[in-house]
Each structure stands twice: as C-alpha cells, then as structure tokens.
N, C-alpha and C. Protein backbone atom coordinates (compact mmCIF):
# COMPACT_ATOMS: atom_id res chain seq x y z
N THR A 1 5.53 30.00 -61.68
CA THR A 1 5.08 29.85 -62.82
C THR A 1 3.38 30.62 -63.20
N GLU A 2 3.36 30.76 -62.15
CA GLU A 2 1.41 31.50 -62.39
C GLU A 2 1.49 33.04 -62.96
N ILE A 3 2.65 33.36 -63.13
CA ILE A 3 2.95 34.74 -63.88
C ILE A 3 3.11 34.49 -64.83
N ALA A 4 4.13 33.58 -65.43
CA ALA A 4 4.28 33.16 -66.70
C ALA A 4 3.28 32.59 -67.63
N SER A 5 2.52 31.71 -66.43
CA SER A 5 0.88 30.90 -67.39
C SER A 5 -0.10 32.62 -67.47
N VAL A 6 -0.05 33.29 -66.78
CA VAL A 6 -0.98 35.11 -67.21
C VAL A 6 -0.32 35.43 -68.19
N VAL A 7 0.76 35.45 -68.52
CA VAL A 7 1.05 36.24 -69.84
C VAL A 7 0.95 35.45 -70.91
N PHE A 8 0.99 33.82 -70.49
CA PHE A 8 0.99 32.77 -71.82
C PHE A 8 -0.50 33.51 -72.20
N ALA A 9 -1.27 33.30 -71.33
CA ALA A 9 -2.89 33.33 -71.11
C ALA A 9 -3.42 34.68 -72.22
N GLU A 10 -2.83 35.98 -71.53
CA GLU A 10 -3.37 37.33 -72.02
C GLU A 10 -2.62 37.17 -73.32
N LEU A 11 -1.84 36.63 -73.95
CA LEU A 11 -0.92 36.43 -75.27
C LEU A 11 -1.35 35.58 -76.29
N SER A 12 -2.02 34.89 -75.46
CA SER A 12 -2.59 33.22 -76.60
C SER A 12 -4.05 34.19 -77.04
N LYS A 13 -4.67 35.31 -77.05
CA LYS A 13 -5.61 35.55 -77.13
C LYS A 13 -5.61 35.83 -78.35
N ASP A 14 -6.53 35.65 -79.80
CA ASP A 14 -6.59 35.97 -80.46
C ASP A 14 -5.84 37.31 -81.03
N GLU A 15 -6.66 38.26 -80.22
CA GLU A 15 -6.38 39.66 -81.53
C GLU A 15 -4.77 39.88 -80.93
N PHE A 16 -4.39 39.69 -80.05
CA PHE A 16 -2.80 39.59 -79.83
C PHE A 16 -1.71 38.18 -80.67
N SER A 17 -2.44 37.46 -80.48
CA SER A 17 -1.32 36.29 -81.07
C SER A 17 -1.17 36.10 -82.64
N SER A 18 -2.61 36.64 -83.02
CA SER A 18 -2.64 36.72 -84.50
C SER A 18 -1.71 37.70 -85.18
N GLN A 19 -1.16 38.73 -84.30
CA GLN A 19 -0.30 39.44 -84.85
C GLN A 19 1.48 39.07 -84.82
N ILE A 20 1.42 38.10 -84.50
CA ILE A 20 3.09 37.59 -84.04
C ILE A 20 2.96 36.53 -85.22
N HIS A 21 3.74 36.64 -86.59
CA HIS A 21 3.69 35.71 -87.80
C HIS A 21 5.24 34.92 -87.40
N LYS A 22 5.04 34.02 -88.16
CA LYS A 22 6.55 33.01 -88.47
C LYS A 22 7.71 34.16 -88.76
N GLY A 23 8.52 33.79 -87.88
CA GLY A 23 10.29 34.82 -88.92
C GLY A 23 10.02 36.04 -88.51
N MET A 24 8.84 36.82 -87.92
CA MET A 24 9.19 38.40 -87.57
C MET A 24 10.29 38.33 -86.98
N ASN A 25 10.81 39.69 -86.69
CA ASN A 25 11.79 40.21 -85.99
C ASN A 25 10.95 40.51 -84.66
N ILE A 26 10.89 40.20 -83.23
CA ILE A 26 9.99 41.10 -82.16
C ILE A 26 10.84 41.35 -81.57
N ALA A 27 11.09 43.18 -81.60
CA ALA A 27 11.71 44.07 -80.32
C ALA A 27 10.62 44.28 -78.92
N ILE A 28 11.38 43.38 -77.81
CA ILE A 28 10.57 44.05 -76.63
C ILE A 28 11.33 44.42 -75.66
N THR A 29 10.26 44.80 -75.21
CA THR A 29 11.24 46.72 -74.03
C THR A 29 11.51 46.13 -72.99
N SER A 30 12.24 46.61 -71.97
CA SER A 30 12.70 46.04 -70.88
C SER A 30 13.13 47.48 -70.35
N GLY A 31 13.09 47.82 -69.26
CA GLY A 31 12.93 49.03 -68.23
C GLY A 31 14.33 49.27 -67.45
N SER A 32 14.17 50.26 -66.56
CA SER A 32 15.51 50.43 -66.04
C SER A 32 14.92 50.59 -64.35
N ARG A 33 13.82 50.76 -64.15
CA ARG A 33 13.08 50.68 -62.99
C ARG A 33 12.87 49.15 -62.66
N GLY A 34 12.90 49.43 -61.46
CA GLY A 34 13.21 47.75 -60.14
C GLY A 34 11.53 46.99 -60.47
N ILE A 35 10.93 46.42 -61.13
CA ILE A 35 9.44 45.96 -60.95
C ILE A 35 9.75 44.45 -60.93
N ALA A 36 8.80 44.55 -59.94
CA ALA A 36 8.59 43.04 -58.87
C ALA A 36 8.66 41.82 -60.23
N ASN A 37 9.17 40.60 -60.25
CA ASN A 37 9.19 39.57 -61.10
C ASN A 37 9.63 39.79 -62.99
N VAL A 38 10.59 41.38 -63.05
CA VAL A 38 10.18 41.56 -64.72
C VAL A 38 10.67 40.33 -65.08
N ASP A 39 11.78 39.84 -64.86
CA ASP A 39 12.56 38.36 -65.51
C ASP A 39 11.50 37.41 -65.87
N ILE A 40 10.39 37.23 -64.58
CA ILE A 40 10.04 36.24 -65.17
C ILE A 40 8.92 36.36 -66.34
N ILE A 41 8.49 38.56 -66.15
CA ILE A 41 7.33 38.51 -67.20
C ILE A 41 8.49 38.41 -68.78
N THR A 42 9.56 39.00 -68.31
CA THR A 42 10.27 39.50 -69.72
C THR A 42 10.39 38.08 -70.58
N LYS A 43 10.81 37.45 -69.76
CA LYS A 43 10.81 35.56 -70.11
C LYS A 43 9.61 34.44 -70.67
N ALA A 44 8.45 34.84 -70.15
CA ALA A 44 7.33 34.36 -70.29
C ALA A 44 7.14 35.10 -72.33
N ILE A 45 7.32 36.41 -72.37
CA ILE A 45 7.06 37.54 -73.69
C ILE A 45 8.14 36.62 -74.46
N VAL A 46 8.89 36.30 -74.34
CA VAL A 46 9.86 35.59 -75.38
C VAL A 46 9.96 34.51 -75.88
N ASP A 47 9.08 33.68 -74.33
CA ASP A 47 8.69 32.18 -74.74
C ASP A 47 7.65 31.97 -75.47
N PHE A 48 7.21 33.17 -75.50
CA PHE A 48 5.54 33.01 -76.37
C PHE A 48 5.99 33.70 -77.76
N VAL A 49 6.85 34.53 -77.63
CA VAL A 49 6.84 34.92 -79.21
C VAL A 49 7.52 33.85 -80.17
N LYS A 50 8.30 33.19 -79.44
CA LYS A 50 9.26 32.02 -79.98
C LYS A 50 8.21 30.76 -80.35
N SER A 51 6.89 30.69 -79.20
CA SER A 51 5.99 30.00 -79.58
C SER A 51 5.06 29.97 -81.07
N ARG A 52 5.26 30.75 -81.12
CA ARG A 52 4.58 31.64 -82.90
C ARG A 52 5.93 31.22 -84.04
N GLN A 53 6.63 30.89 -83.59
CA GLN A 53 7.92 30.61 -84.37
C GLN A 53 8.59 32.65 -84.88
N ALA A 54 8.50 33.08 -84.09
CA ALA A 54 9.10 34.25 -84.45
C ALA A 54 10.45 34.62 -83.90
N ASN A 55 10.93 35.74 -84.17
CA ASN A 55 12.62 35.87 -83.58
C ASN A 55 12.37 37.12 -82.32
N PRO A 56 12.20 36.67 -80.81
CA PRO A 56 12.39 37.72 -80.02
C PRO A 56 13.75 38.28 -79.93
N PHE A 57 14.24 39.82 -79.70
CA PHE A 57 14.96 40.20 -78.84
C PHE A 57 14.52 41.25 -78.10
N ILE A 58 15.14 41.30 -77.09
CA ILE A 58 15.14 42.56 -75.88
C ILE A 58 16.10 43.79 -76.48
N VAL A 59 15.27 45.08 -75.98
CA VAL A 59 15.92 46.24 -76.28
C VAL A 59 15.73 46.87 -75.04
N PRO A 60 16.76 47.72 -74.52
CA PRO A 60 16.59 48.05 -73.26
C PRO A 60 15.62 49.66 -73.63
N ALA A 61 15.00 49.79 -72.97
CA ALA A 61 14.03 51.02 -72.87
C ALA A 61 14.46 51.74 -71.79
N MET A 62 14.90 52.94 -71.34
CA MET A 62 15.23 53.14 -70.34
C MET A 62 15.97 54.69 -70.20
N GLY A 63 15.72 55.49 -71.85
CA GLY A 63 15.82 56.86 -71.68
C GLY A 63 17.48 56.72 -71.84
N SER A 64 18.17 57.91 -70.42
CA SER A 64 19.71 58.13 -70.67
C SER A 64 19.88 57.57 -69.34
N HIS A 65 19.57 56.55 -68.49
CA HIS A 65 19.69 55.77 -67.48
C HIS A 65 20.89 54.81 -67.74
N GLY A 66 21.48 54.27 -67.71
CA GLY A 66 22.92 53.55 -67.37
C GLY A 66 24.15 54.45 -68.03
N GLY A 67 23.83 55.58 -67.52
CA GLY A 67 25.00 56.04 -68.42
C GLY A 67 24.86 56.85 -69.73
N ALA A 68 23.64 56.95 -70.00
CA ALA A 68 23.34 56.85 -71.61
C ALA A 68 24.37 56.31 -72.23
N THR A 69 24.87 54.94 -71.64
CA THR A 69 25.48 53.78 -72.70
C THR A 69 24.88 52.81 -73.24
N ALA A 70 25.31 52.26 -74.25
CA ALA A 70 24.40 50.51 -74.88
C ALA A 70 24.90 49.77 -73.51
N GLU A 71 26.50 49.70 -73.23
CA GLU A 71 26.68 48.89 -72.27
C GLU A 71 26.49 49.39 -71.20
N GLY A 72 26.21 50.15 -70.36
CA GLY A 72 25.47 50.73 -69.01
C GLY A 72 23.93 50.18 -69.06
N GLN A 73 23.53 50.55 -70.02
CA GLN A 73 22.10 50.18 -69.94
C GLN A 73 22.17 48.43 -69.63
N THR A 74 22.72 47.63 -70.86
CA THR A 74 22.73 46.45 -70.55
C THR A 74 23.19 45.87 -69.00
N GLU A 75 23.97 46.40 -68.63
CA GLU A 75 24.53 45.98 -67.24
C GLU A 75 23.40 46.29 -66.51
N ILE A 76 22.73 47.17 -66.69
CA ILE A 76 20.97 47.51 -65.62
C ILE A 76 20.19 46.16 -65.79
N LEU A 77 20.60 45.88 -67.12
CA LEU A 77 19.29 44.46 -67.40
C LEU A 77 19.74 43.50 -66.16
N ALA A 78 21.29 43.62 -66.69
CA ALA A 78 21.65 41.70 -66.18
C ALA A 78 21.43 41.92 -64.61
N GLY A 79 21.59 43.10 -64.12
CA GLY A 79 21.29 43.38 -62.54
C GLY A 79 19.86 42.51 -62.23
N TYR A 80 18.82 42.59 -63.52
CA TYR A 80 17.53 42.43 -63.27
C TYR A 80 17.48 40.84 -63.48
N ASN A 81 18.41 40.21 -63.88
CA ASN A 81 18.51 38.73 -64.33
C ASN A 81 18.45 38.62 -65.84
N ILE A 82 18.24 39.72 -66.57
CA ILE A 82 17.65 39.43 -68.05
C ILE A 82 19.08 40.11 -68.84
N THR A 83 19.49 38.71 -69.17
CA THR A 83 21.12 38.78 -70.12
C THR A 83 20.26 37.81 -71.15
N ALA A 84 21.02 37.57 -72.25
CA ALA A 84 20.90 36.31 -73.13
C ALA A 84 20.68 35.37 -72.78
N GLU A 85 21.72 34.80 -71.87
CA GLU A 85 21.55 33.36 -71.19
C GLU A 85 20.22 33.13 -70.47
N ALA A 86 19.77 34.06 -69.45
CA ALA A 86 18.88 33.40 -68.87
C ALA A 86 17.88 33.98 -70.01
N MET A 87 17.40 34.84 -70.87
CA MET A 87 16.09 34.84 -71.30
C MET A 87 16.00 34.10 -72.54
N GLY A 88 17.48 33.76 -73.47
CA GLY A 88 17.07 32.71 -74.33
C GLY A 88 16.89 33.58 -75.66
N CYS A 89 17.27 35.20 -75.99
CA CYS A 89 17.06 35.84 -76.97
C CYS A 89 18.44 36.74 -76.85
N PRO A 90 18.60 37.34 -77.75
CA PRO A 90 19.70 38.44 -77.78
C PRO A 90 19.14 39.70 -76.86
N ILE A 91 19.97 40.51 -76.79
CA ILE A 91 19.36 42.13 -76.15
C ILE A 91 20.65 43.16 -77.08
N LYS A 92 19.50 43.56 -77.94
CA LYS A 92 20.01 44.63 -78.63
C LYS A 92 20.14 45.75 -78.04
N SER A 93 21.51 46.71 -77.54
CA SER A 93 21.43 47.74 -76.87
C SER A 93 22.28 48.41 -78.24
N SER A 94 21.59 50.13 -77.98
CA SER A 94 22.18 51.53 -78.74
C SER A 94 21.75 52.11 -78.36
N MET A 95 22.60 53.36 -78.53
CA MET A 95 21.80 55.38 -78.18
C MET A 95 21.35 55.26 -79.58
N ASP A 96 21.27 55.25 -80.54
CA ASP A 96 20.91 55.16 -81.93
C ASP A 96 19.09 55.65 -82.37
N THR A 97 18.79 56.36 -82.79
CA THR A 97 17.66 56.97 -82.71
C THR A 97 17.39 57.33 -84.08
N VAL A 98 15.85 57.56 -84.74
CA VAL A 98 15.33 57.70 -85.74
C VAL A 98 14.58 58.87 -85.38
N LEU A 99 14.59 59.82 -86.15
CA LEU A 99 13.57 61.01 -85.71
C LEU A 99 12.37 60.51 -86.41
N LEU A 100 11.09 60.62 -85.97
CA LEU A 100 9.67 59.70 -86.37
C LEU A 100 8.90 61.36 -86.64
N GLY A 101 9.15 62.05 -86.11
CA GLY A 101 8.79 63.47 -86.84
C GLY A 101 8.12 64.61 -85.22
N TYR A 102 7.60 65.58 -85.41
CA TYR A 102 7.32 66.48 -84.07
C TYR A 102 5.65 65.97 -83.60
N SER A 103 5.45 66.44 -82.37
CA SER A 103 4.65 66.28 -81.48
C SER A 103 3.60 67.61 -82.03
N GLU A 104 2.15 67.94 -81.41
CA GLU A 104 1.20 68.59 -81.59
C GLU A 104 2.42 69.83 -80.71
N GLN A 105 3.10 69.88 -79.36
CA GLN A 105 3.95 70.89 -78.95
C GLN A 105 5.24 71.40 -79.90
N GLU A 106 5.47 70.57 -81.10
CA GLU A 106 6.87 70.60 -81.91
C GLU A 106 7.65 70.12 -81.06
N LYS A 107 7.76 69.32 -80.00
CA LYS A 107 8.47 68.70 -79.67
C LYS A 107 8.90 67.54 -80.74
N PRO A 108 10.38 67.57 -80.57
CA PRO A 108 10.63 65.85 -81.71
C PRO A 108 10.63 65.32 -81.46
N VAL A 109 10.25 63.70 -81.77
CA VAL A 109 9.92 62.73 -81.64
C VAL A 109 10.68 61.86 -81.82
N TYR A 110 11.91 60.67 -80.54
CA TYR A 110 13.05 60.24 -81.34
C TYR A 110 12.51 58.51 -80.91
N LEU A 111 13.08 57.90 -81.52
CA LEU A 111 12.57 56.29 -81.45
C LEU A 111 13.83 55.82 -81.28
N ASP A 112 14.41 54.89 -80.36
CA ASP A 112 15.33 53.54 -80.76
C ASP A 112 15.30 53.38 -82.37
N LYS A 113 16.51 52.92 -83.07
CA LYS A 113 16.80 52.67 -84.17
C LYS A 113 16.26 51.14 -84.52
N ILE A 114 16.98 50.14 -83.71
CA ILE A 114 16.61 48.81 -83.60
C ILE A 114 15.03 48.52 -83.07
N ALA A 115 14.70 49.23 -82.43
CA ALA A 115 13.05 49.05 -82.35
C ALA A 115 12.32 49.07 -83.42
N TYR A 116 12.54 50.15 -83.90
CA TYR A 116 11.99 50.84 -84.98
C TYR A 116 12.05 50.13 -86.69
N GLU A 117 13.30 49.26 -86.41
CA GLU A 117 13.32 47.99 -87.86
C GLU A 117 13.48 47.05 -87.71
N ALA A 118 12.56 46.41 -86.34
CA ALA A 118 12.08 45.26 -86.12
C ALA A 118 10.61 45.37 -86.88
N ASP A 119 10.56 44.35 -86.97
CA ASP A 119 8.68 44.04 -87.45
C ASP A 119 7.54 44.09 -86.36
N GLY A 120 8.17 44.18 -85.70
CA GLY A 120 7.02 44.53 -84.48
C GLY A 120 7.94 44.75 -82.98
N ILE A 121 6.57 45.87 -81.95
CA ILE A 121 8.03 46.05 -81.03
C ILE A 121 6.87 45.94 -79.97
N LEU A 122 6.88 44.60 -78.74
CA LEU A 122 5.91 44.90 -77.89
C LEU A 122 6.57 45.74 -76.92
N LEU A 123 5.35 46.40 -76.10
CA LEU A 123 5.23 47.23 -75.04
C LEU A 123 5.79 46.37 -73.98
N SER A 124 6.46 46.33 -73.11
CA SER A 124 6.49 45.36 -71.19
C SER A 124 6.93 46.77 -70.59
N CYS A 125 6.27 47.18 -69.90
CA CYS A 125 5.88 47.94 -69.00
C CYS A 125 5.33 47.68 -67.78
N ARG A 126 5.61 48.21 -66.62
CA ARG A 126 4.60 48.76 -65.35
C ARG A 126 3.98 50.01 -65.26
N ILE A 127 1.98 50.07 -64.81
CA ILE A 127 1.88 51.22 -65.11
C ILE A 127 1.76 51.44 -63.69
N LYS A 128 2.15 52.73 -63.01
CA LYS A 128 2.43 53.42 -62.10
C LYS A 128 2.30 54.86 -61.49
N PRO A 129 1.68 55.67 -60.23
CA PRO A 129 2.16 56.81 -60.33
C PRO A 129 3.81 57.31 -60.74
N HIS A 130 3.53 58.38 -61.05
CA HIS A 130 5.21 58.66 -61.22
C HIS A 130 5.50 59.91 -59.70
N ASN A 131 6.92 59.67 -59.78
CA ASN A 131 7.11 60.53 -57.77
C ASN A 131 7.26 62.03 -58.11
N ALA A 132 7.18 62.11 -59.33
CA ALA A 132 7.84 63.52 -59.26
C ALA A 132 6.72 64.54 -60.60
N PHE A 133 5.45 63.82 -61.14
CA PHE A 133 4.81 65.00 -61.92
C PHE A 133 3.09 64.02 -61.77
N ARG A 134 2.29 64.37 -62.05
CA ARG A 134 0.76 64.26 -61.76
C ARG A 134 0.22 64.59 -63.19
N GLY A 135 -0.45 63.57 -63.98
CA GLY A 135 -1.10 63.48 -64.81
C GLY A 135 -1.56 62.22 -65.63
N GLU A 136 -3.13 62.57 -66.60
CA GLU A 136 -3.50 61.33 -67.08
C GLU A 136 -2.64 59.50 -67.49
N TYR A 137 -1.50 60.85 -67.77
CA TYR A 137 -0.30 59.58 -68.18
C TYR A 137 0.90 59.68 -67.53
N GLU A 138 1.46 58.46 -66.27
CA GLU A 138 2.56 59.25 -65.87
C GLU A 138 3.81 57.96 -66.04
N SER A 139 4.17 56.61 -65.29
CA SER A 139 5.06 55.67 -65.31
C SER A 139 3.89 55.16 -66.19
N GLY A 140 4.34 54.46 -67.18
CA GLY A 140 3.72 53.42 -67.91
C GLY A 140 3.89 53.52 -69.44
N ILE A 141 2.78 52.91 -70.50
CA ILE A 141 3.02 52.64 -71.18
C ILE A 141 3.45 54.06 -72.31
N CYS A 142 2.83 54.93 -72.16
CA CYS A 142 3.63 56.72 -73.09
C CYS A 142 4.47 57.19 -72.51
N LYS A 143 5.30 56.71 -71.61
CA LYS A 143 6.84 57.50 -70.64
C LYS A 143 6.71 56.27 -71.37
N MET A 144 7.46 54.67 -71.25
CA MET A 144 8.05 53.63 -72.09
C MET A 144 8.51 54.20 -73.53
N MET A 145 7.37 54.12 -74.46
CA MET A 145 7.79 54.84 -75.79
C MET A 145 8.24 56.13 -75.64
N ALA A 146 8.04 56.96 -75.36
CA ALA A 146 8.45 58.58 -75.40
C ALA A 146 9.64 58.47 -74.69
N VAL A 147 10.18 58.22 -73.34
CA VAL A 147 11.16 58.57 -72.97
C VAL A 147 12.22 57.01 -72.99
N GLY A 148 11.13 56.20 -72.72
CA GLY A 148 12.38 54.99 -72.50
C GLY A 148 12.89 54.52 -73.80
N LEU A 149 12.38 54.23 -74.72
CA LEU A 149 12.66 54.07 -76.18
C LEU A 149 12.93 55.51 -77.23
N GLY A 150 12.98 56.75 -76.71
CA GLY A 150 13.54 57.08 -76.76
C GLY A 150 15.04 57.65 -77.01
N ASN A 151 15.70 56.91 -75.95
CA ASN A 151 17.16 56.47 -75.38
C ASN A 151 17.27 58.22 -75.38
N GLN A 152 18.53 58.87 -74.74
CA GLN A 152 18.96 59.95 -74.52
C GLN A 152 18.00 60.83 -75.18
N LYS A 153 18.60 61.42 -76.58
CA LYS A 153 17.54 62.38 -77.23
C LYS A 153 16.42 62.50 -76.80
N GLY A 154 15.56 61.09 -76.91
CA GLY A 154 14.00 61.45 -76.52
C GLY A 154 13.97 61.84 -74.69
N ALA A 155 14.49 61.59 -74.20
CA ALA A 155 14.29 61.30 -72.32
C ALA A 155 14.68 63.25 -72.49
N GLU A 156 15.76 63.88 -73.35
CA GLU A 156 16.07 65.09 -73.12
C GLU A 156 14.58 66.18 -73.50
N SER A 157 14.44 65.69 -74.68
CA SER A 157 13.27 66.16 -75.64
C SER A 157 12.43 66.46 -74.51
N VAL A 158 11.63 65.35 -73.68
CA VAL A 158 10.72 65.47 -72.73
C VAL A 158 11.08 66.06 -71.74
N HIS A 159 12.21 65.95 -70.84
CA HIS A 159 12.38 66.80 -69.09
C HIS A 159 13.29 68.32 -69.73
N CYS A 160 13.16 69.05 -71.01
CA CYS A 160 13.96 69.96 -70.99
C CYS A 160 13.56 70.93 -70.85
N ASP A 161 12.00 70.81 -70.39
CA ASP A 161 11.36 72.07 -70.25
C ASP A 161 10.97 71.84 -68.94
N GLY A 162 11.23 71.23 -68.01
CA GLY A 162 11.05 70.84 -66.34
C GLY A 162 9.72 70.54 -66.04
N MET A 163 9.84 69.66 -65.20
CA MET A 163 8.87 68.46 -64.55
C MET A 163 7.05 68.88 -64.88
N GLY A 164 7.07 70.27 -64.21
CA GLY A 164 5.71 70.93 -64.69
C GLY A 164 4.82 70.50 -66.45
N LYS A 165 6.08 70.27 -66.99
CA LYS A 165 5.45 70.08 -68.97
C LYS A 165 5.51 68.65 -69.04
N ILE A 166 5.92 67.65 -68.17
CA ILE A 166 6.20 66.53 -68.77
C ILE A 166 4.77 65.61 -69.21
N ALA A 167 3.40 65.93 -68.32
CA ALA A 167 2.61 65.08 -68.24
C ALA A 167 2.34 65.40 -69.47
N GLY A 168 1.93 66.56 -70.34
CA GLY A 168 1.53 66.73 -71.45
C GLY A 168 1.81 66.50 -72.85
N TYR A 169 3.29 66.40 -72.27
CA TYR A 169 4.51 66.13 -73.46
C TYR A 169 4.12 64.07 -73.58
N LEU A 170 4.26 63.67 -72.90
CA LEU A 170 3.92 62.45 -72.81
C LEU A 170 2.61 61.81 -73.82
N PRO A 171 1.79 62.14 -73.84
CA PRO A 171 0.91 61.37 -74.73
C PRO A 171 0.77 61.85 -76.24
N ALA A 172 1.19 63.06 -76.06
CA ALA A 172 1.69 63.84 -77.56
C ALA A 172 2.55 63.33 -77.96
N ILE A 173 3.81 63.00 -77.51
CA ILE A 173 4.76 62.08 -78.35
C ILE A 173 4.34 60.62 -78.12
N ALA A 174 3.87 59.83 -77.39
CA ALA A 174 3.26 58.69 -78.00
C ALA A 174 2.66 58.77 -79.11
N LYS A 175 1.57 59.64 -79.40
CA LYS A 175 0.39 59.34 -80.61
C LYS A 175 1.53 59.41 -81.61
N VAL A 176 2.72 60.03 -82.05
CA VAL A 176 3.23 60.16 -82.93
C VAL A 176 4.24 58.62 -83.49
N ILE A 177 4.21 58.31 -82.10
CA ILE A 177 5.06 56.93 -81.94
C ILE A 177 4.08 55.80 -82.40
N LEU A 178 2.66 55.68 -81.66
CA LEU A 178 1.96 54.85 -82.24
C LEU A 178 1.27 54.54 -83.74
N GLU A 179 1.57 56.23 -84.21
CA GLU A 179 1.17 56.43 -86.08
C GLU A 179 2.26 55.86 -86.47
N SER A 180 3.63 56.14 -86.29
CA SER A 180 4.99 56.35 -86.86
C SER A 180 5.56 54.70 -86.51
N ALA A 181 5.72 53.89 -85.78
CA ALA A 181 6.94 53.18 -85.39
C ALA A 181 5.90 51.73 -85.80
N PRO A 182 6.69 50.71 -85.54
CA PRO A 182 5.44 49.32 -85.62
C PRO A 182 5.23 48.76 -84.36
N VAL A 183 4.59 49.26 -83.71
CA VAL A 183 4.29 49.23 -82.42
C VAL A 183 2.87 48.16 -82.76
N LEU A 184 2.90 46.81 -81.90
CA LEU A 184 2.13 46.03 -82.48
C LEU A 184 1.20 45.75 -80.77
N PHE A 185 1.35 46.09 -79.25
CA PHE A 185 0.64 46.33 -78.58
C PHE A 185 1.51 46.00 -77.54
N ALA A 186 0.36 46.18 -76.08
CA ALA A 186 1.48 46.51 -75.19
C ALA A 186 1.03 45.45 -73.99
N ILE A 187 2.13 44.52 -73.14
CA ILE A 187 1.39 44.49 -72.03
C ILE A 187 2.17 44.26 -70.91
N ALA A 188 1.24 45.35 -69.78
CA ALA A 188 1.79 46.03 -68.79
C ALA A 188 1.30 45.41 -67.54
N CYS A 189 2.10 45.75 -66.60
CA CYS A 189 1.91 44.96 -65.18
C CYS A 189 1.21 45.99 -64.27
N VAL A 190 0.59 45.72 -63.18
CA VAL A 190 0.07 46.48 -61.84
C VAL A 190 0.86 46.17 -60.94
N ASP A 191 1.24 47.00 -60.04
CA ASP A 191 1.90 45.95 -58.49
C ASP A 191 0.83 46.72 -57.83
N ASN A 192 0.49 45.86 -56.81
CA ASN A 192 -0.41 45.84 -55.29
C ASN A 192 0.59 47.10 -54.40
N ALA A 193 0.14 47.46 -53.25
CA ALA A 193 0.88 48.07 -52.43
C ALA A 193 2.04 47.69 -51.80
N SER A 194 2.07 46.61 -51.78
CA SER A 194 3.47 45.38 -51.36
C SER A 194 4.57 45.69 -51.87
N ASP A 195 4.25 46.36 -53.55
CA ASP A 195 5.08 46.19 -54.45
C ASP A 195 5.09 44.76 -55.28
N GLU A 196 4.03 43.75 -55.28
CA GLU A 196 3.90 42.53 -56.18
C GLU A 196 2.83 42.86 -57.27
N THR A 197 3.66 41.83 -57.97
CA THR A 197 2.48 41.81 -58.95
C THR A 197 1.09 41.35 -58.84
N CYS A 198 0.30 42.36 -59.18
CA CYS A 198 -1.22 42.11 -59.08
C CYS A 198 -2.42 41.73 -60.14
N LEU A 199 -1.00 42.80 -61.14
CA LEU A 199 -2.24 42.15 -62.52
C LEU A 199 -0.94 42.21 -63.76
N ILE A 200 -1.49 41.31 -64.74
CA ILE A 200 -1.07 41.40 -66.17
C ILE A 200 -2.17 41.37 -67.19
N GLU A 201 -2.01 42.42 -68.00
CA GLU A 201 -2.59 43.02 -68.74
C GLU A 201 -2.08 43.31 -70.16
N ALA A 202 -2.77 42.49 -71.36
CA ALA A 202 -2.02 42.53 -72.79
C ALA A 202 -3.23 43.75 -73.27
N ILE A 203 -2.83 44.66 -73.81
CA ILE A 203 -4.11 45.79 -74.61
C ILE A 203 -3.28 46.21 -75.67
N ARG A 204 -5.00 45.97 -76.54
CA ARG A 204 -4.74 46.47 -77.77
C ARG A 204 -3.59 48.02 -78.38
N LYS A 205 -3.32 47.74 -79.54
CA LYS A 205 -2.60 49.05 -79.85
C LYS A 205 -3.41 50.48 -79.65
N GLU A 206 -4.68 50.33 -80.57
CA GLU A 206 -5.66 51.06 -80.60
C GLU A 206 -6.04 51.54 -79.49
N CYS A 207 -5.73 50.94 -78.35
CA CYS A 207 -6.58 50.90 -76.70
C CYS A 207 -5.72 51.73 -76.09
N ILE A 208 -4.26 51.80 -75.83
CA ILE A 208 -3.47 52.06 -75.21
C ILE A 208 -3.77 53.26 -74.41
N MET A 209 -3.89 54.35 -75.21
CA MET A 209 -4.18 55.75 -75.02
C MET A 209 -5.64 55.73 -73.95
N GLN A 210 -6.58 55.47 -74.18
CA GLN A 210 -7.59 55.17 -73.23
C GLN A 210 -7.25 54.07 -71.62
N ARG A 211 -6.81 52.92 -72.32
CA ARG A 211 -6.68 52.08 -71.42
C ARG A 211 -5.48 52.71 -70.10
N GLU A 212 -4.48 53.08 -70.59
CA GLU A 212 -3.73 53.31 -69.46
C GLU A 212 -3.73 54.19 -68.12
N PRO A 213 -4.66 55.48 -68.19
CA PRO A 213 -5.41 56.17 -67.20
C PRO A 213 -6.15 55.66 -66.19
N GLU A 214 -6.76 54.43 -67.03
CA GLU A 214 -7.85 53.58 -66.45
C GLU A 214 -6.95 52.73 -65.54
N ARG A 215 -6.03 52.16 -65.54
CA ARG A 215 -4.84 51.43 -65.09
C ARG A 215 -4.16 52.13 -63.91
N LEU A 216 -3.77 53.16 -64.20
CA LEU A 216 -2.92 54.21 -63.16
C LEU A 216 -4.07 54.89 -62.59
C-alpha cells in the first residue's frame, strides 16, 4: 500500500496529472528485467490513469526479449503477475514499429507502433547500472525508449556495433524519440543494495535527459 500511495502522490502533482485527460488512450511501459514490486507499481499507474477517466493499456517494452515475439513478451509479463486480469487493463503486445528518423550517429530510430499511436506514453522503468557497459545513461529511461520500445529492430540498431558503442547511442536515440513520440513523462524507481524499492519519482519529459544521470 505504501508503494501504491507513493506512485499516486507523484502522479497527482499537477505537472503530471494535468497531462492526462478524459478519454485519452495511455500506453504504460513494462520491461523484462525483474524489478522489485513491478506489478504493484504498474497497477498503481494503471489505477491513477483510470482515476483521470483515461484509458490505460500496458505495452511490453523489452526489445528482442521473449524470443522477439508478441506472445513471448506477454508471457514474460505474466511471470511478473502483469496480466490483463491482474492489472485491470489490456496488454497490447506487438513487434510492429514505426521509423521515427535517425540519430546524430545516423542510427535508425524505431518505436513500438501501438505505443506511437497512443495519445500518450508513460515510461515506467527502473534506473540502475548496466552489467555490461558504463556511461551517463545505462539501464533506465533512455534504454527503455531506445531498446525496450524499439522492439527487435530498435534493439538490433543499438546493439549491432558492440557494447562499447551503446553508451553513446542511447541518449542520441532517446532524444529523437522524445522529439517525435507522444511521451508524456517518466515514472522511475530506484532499488537499494538489497534489491528493494527505495525511491519512486515522476520525471517531466523535458527533464529526463538531465535527471536520469543524477539518479543513476
């Protein structure tokens, strides 16, 4: 109950709640990494969107995980108790993407088609160090956009030149997505050393690129 109430308190701030209007179709991201309390956090976001009389749905944002299939990604979420029944909203899983443009390194930028066609996207994720590369942006909001919502094509675009390049690719791709996709804001969690939720923070769209490195 404390986690859900913190989510509600963050989203109830006028700068966030004012962006969700009656009748809007809102995509909420959910990834494939085992995040503590991810089902509680996701359900609280869904319930808040409903409280604004908008229509939430969950989009798997996990790149090529789950065998790069819509069914496989839905199964991964079900393993975290994120199902349509438990969340009280649809889960819309697809590998279809739209090409938004190209990053400053000439990397194609892809985004999940269902999320792109929503009236708004809420980026729910965890910010933490990555286990294979170092940079200003590691596992977090930018990676959720560039790789998670990029589906197989986006994951391939980011990873194809090796792990040494990813730290530079992520923010450049994320900037294109923030300019071109209907992202409203992020709600990020941070775990403590015992892998327990210790912080949940809503972050304005225009503050994501500055705030993520601070939280990392």
